[in-house]
């Protein structure tokens, strides 16, 4: 990870920790997904450096990283708080699913720092994206990343 990505990762971890320290936030049905946002971001960064990941997939990873970092997206974190990471997570899951379908899934597993089964988590995040963001909007974002 370069310095910008590392700084963002640390800030993201702090934001998520701060969010879940609130009792009301712990009751939010999406909190389990928000908690994995820093680990998903870390995974995206690690995969961009892996020599076994094809260049085309690395370009998609870069797009997902940029979307995570950008203050301008469908559900801006600055306006709606940590729930704004749901669209970032959904897009990341779409990109990760594409990588898993093209290369050995063990590559993704090797870089995963989280506790959950990453392959199952990706599928849950894709469903979440369709549910929360909406299938039409979610499809539009996926098309832009797919190039």
Protein backbone atom coordinates (compact mmCIF):
# COMPACT_ATOMS: atom_id res chain seq x y z
CA UNK A 1 0.00 0.00 0.00
CA UNK A 2 1.30 3.45 -0.77
CA UNK A 3 1.12 6.26 1.81
CA UNK A 4 -2.22 7.65 0.58
CA UNK A 5 -3.84 4.22 0.72
CA UNK A 6 -2.27 3.50 4.10
CA UNK A 7 -3.49 6.81 5.53
CA UNK A 8 -6.99 6.18 4.18
CA UNK A 9 -6.97 2.66 5.65
CA UNK A 10 -6.04 3.98 9.10
CA UNK A 11 -8.67 6.75 8.94
CA UNK A 12 -11.28 4.24 7.81
CA UNK A 13 -10.47 1.94 10.73
CA UNK A 14 -10.83 4.88 13.15
CA UNK A 15 -14.17 5.94 11.65
CA UNK A 16 -15.58 2.43 11.83
CA UNK A 17 -14.36 1.97 15.42
CA UNK A 18 -15.92 5.29 16.40
CA UNK A 19 -19.19 4.38 14.72
CA UNK A 20 -19.58 1.03 16.45
CA UNK A 21 -18.77 2.49 19.86
CA UNK A 22 -22.26 4.06 19.80
CA UNK A 23 -24.91 1.70 21.25
CA UNK A 24 -27.51 2.65 18.61
CA UNK A 25 -25.05 1.82 15.84
CA UNK A 26 -24.51 -1.67 17.21
CA UNK A 27 -28.20 -2.37 16.54
CA UNK A 28 -27.95 -1.35 12.88
CA UNK A 29 -28.58 -4.33 10.61
CA UNK A 30 -25.65 -3.34 8.38
CA UNK A 31 -23.03 -2.95 11.12
CA UNK A 32 -21.47 -6.36 10.42
CA UNK A 33 -20.76 -5.24 6.86
CA UNK A 34 -19.49 -1.80 7.84
CA UNK A 35 -17.04 -3.50 10.20
CA UNK A 36 -15.32 -5.29 7.29
CA UNK A 37 -14.87 -2.12 5.20
CA UNK A 38 -11.24 -1.56 6.30
CA UNK A 39 -10.34 -5.20 5.61
CA UNK A 40 -11.98 -5.09 2.17
CA UNK A 41 -10.07 -1.90 1.33
CA UNK A 42 -6.84 -3.57 2.50
CA UNK A 43 -7.60 -6.60 0.31
CA UNK A 44 -8.15 -4.41 -2.76
CA UNK A 45 -4.78 -2.74 -2.19
CA UNK A 46 -2.92 -6.02 -1.64
CA UNK A 47 -4.38 -7.59 -4.78
CA UNK A 48 -3.19 -4.68 -6.94
CA UNK A 49 0.37 -5.70 -6.03
CA UNK A 50 -0.06 -9.43 -6.67
CA UNK A 51 1.70 -10.59 -9.84
CA UNK A 52 -0.89 -13.34 -10.39
CA UNK A 53 -3.73 -10.84 -10.80
CA UNK A 54 -4.18 -9.87 -14.48
CA UNK A 55 -3.68 -6.23 -15.51
CA UNK A 56 -7.33 -5.86 -16.55
CA UNK A 57 -8.44 -6.93 -13.06
CA UNK A 58 -5.88 -4.58 -11.48
CA UNK A 59 -7.47 -1.70 -13.38
CA UNK A 60 -10.83 -2.65 -11.87
CA UNK A 61 -9.22 -2.89 -8.43
CA UNK A 62 -7.81 0.61 -8.91
CA UNK A 63 -11.29 1.85 -9.80
CA UNK A 64 -12.76 0.27 -6.67
CA UNK A 65 -9.98 1.79 -4.53
CA UNK A 66 -10.60 5.22 -6.07
CA UNK A 67 -14.34 4.84 -5.38
CA UNK A 68 -13.61 3.98 -1.74
CA UNK A 69 -11.38 7.05 -1.34
CA UNK A 70 -13.56 9.47 -3.31
CA UNK A 71 -15.84 11.73 -1.27
CA UNK A 72 -18.23 11.81 -4.24
CA UNK A 73 -20.23 8.63 -4.72
CA UNK A 74 -23.80 7.34 -4.55
CA UNK A 75 -23.90 7.18 -0.77
CA UNK A 76 -21.39 9.78 0.48
CA UNK A 77 -19.93 8.94 3.87
CA UNK A 78 -19.54 12.65 4.69
CA UNK A 79 -23.33 13.04 4.53
CA UNK A 80 -24.78 9.75 5.78
CA UNK A 81 -21.89 8.48 7.90
CA UNK A 82 -20.51 4.95 7.87
CA UNK A 83 -23.61 3.58 6.15
CA UNK A 84 -22.16 5.31 3.11
CA UNK A 85 -19.61 2.51 2.84
CA UNK A 86 -22.31 0.07 1.71
CA UNK A 87 -22.03 1.13 -1.94
CA UNK A 88 -18.22 1.03 -1.72
CA UNK A 89 -18.39 -2.49 -0.32
CA UNK A 90 -20.86 -3.62 -2.99
CA UNK A 91 -18.63 -2.33 -5.79
CA UNK A 92 -15.56 -3.92 -4.18
CA UNK A 93 -17.42 -7.24 -3.94
CA UNK A 94 -18.30 -7.09 -7.63
CA UNK A 95 -14.64 -6.50 -8.55
CA UNK A 96 -13.44 -9.24 -6.20
CA UNK A 97 -15.99 -11.65 -7.63
CA UNK A 98 -14.58 -10.98 -11.10
CA UNK A 99 -11.08 -11.77 -9.87
CA UNK A 100 -12.22 -14.98 -8.21
CA UNK A 101 -13.88 -16.06 -11.46
CA UNK A 102 -10.68 -15.40 -13.44
CA UNK A 103 -7.89 -16.57 -11.13
CA UNK A 104 -7.47 -19.11 -8.36
CA UNK A 105 -9.63 -18.01 -5.37
CA UNK A 106 -6.70 -18.89 -3.11
CA UNK A 107 -5.01 -15.70 -4.30
CA UNK A 108 -7.82 -13.65 -2.78
CA UNK A 109 -7.88 -15.81 0.36
CA UNK A 110 -4.12 -15.39 0.80
CA UNK A 111 -4.41 -11.60 1.05
CA UNK A 112 -7.57 -11.55 3.20
CA UNK A 113 -6.86 -10.17 6.69
CA UNK A 114 -10.42 -10.53 7.99
CA UNK A 115 -11.97 -13.29 10.06
CA UNK A 116 -14.93 -14.19 7.84
CA UNK A 117 -14.85 -16.57 4.88
CA UNK A 118 -14.04 -14.05 2.15
CA UNK A 119 -15.76 -16.00 -0.62
CA UNK A 120 -19.06 -16.12 1.30
CA UNK A 121 -18.66 -12.49 2.35
CA UNK A 122 -18.26 -11.38 -1.26
CA UNK A 123 -21.55 -13.08 -2.18
CA UNK A 124 -23.31 -11.44 0.80
CA UNK A 125 -21.94 -8.03 -0.19
CA UNK A 126 -23.16 -8.45 -3.76
CA UNK A 127 -26.67 -9.24 -2.47
CA UNK A 128 -26.43 -6.28 -0.09
CA UNK A 129 -25.50 -4.00 -2.99
CA UNK A 130 -28.54 -5.09 -4.95
CA UNK A 131 -30.75 -4.65 -1.88
CA UNK A 132 -29.51 -1.30 -0.60
CA UNK A 133 -28.20 0.47 -3.67
CA UNK A 134 -30.79 -0.95 -6.06
CA UNK A 135 -30.19 -3.28 -8.96
CA UNK A 136 -30.44 -0.61 -11.67
CA UNK A 137 -27.97 1.79 -10.08
CA UNK A 138 -25.71 -1.06 -9.01
CA UNK A 139 -25.67 -2.39 -12.60
CA UNK A 140 -24.72 1.08 -13.89
CA UNK A 141 -21.76 1.28 -11.51
CA UNK A 142 -20.64 -2.23 -12.46
CA UNK A 143 -20.75 -1.33 -16.16
CA UNK A 144 -18.57 1.73 -15.60
CA UNK A 145 -15.97 -0.33 -13.74
CA UNK A 146 -16.15 -3.17 -16.27
CA UNK A 147 -15.09 -0.68 -18.92
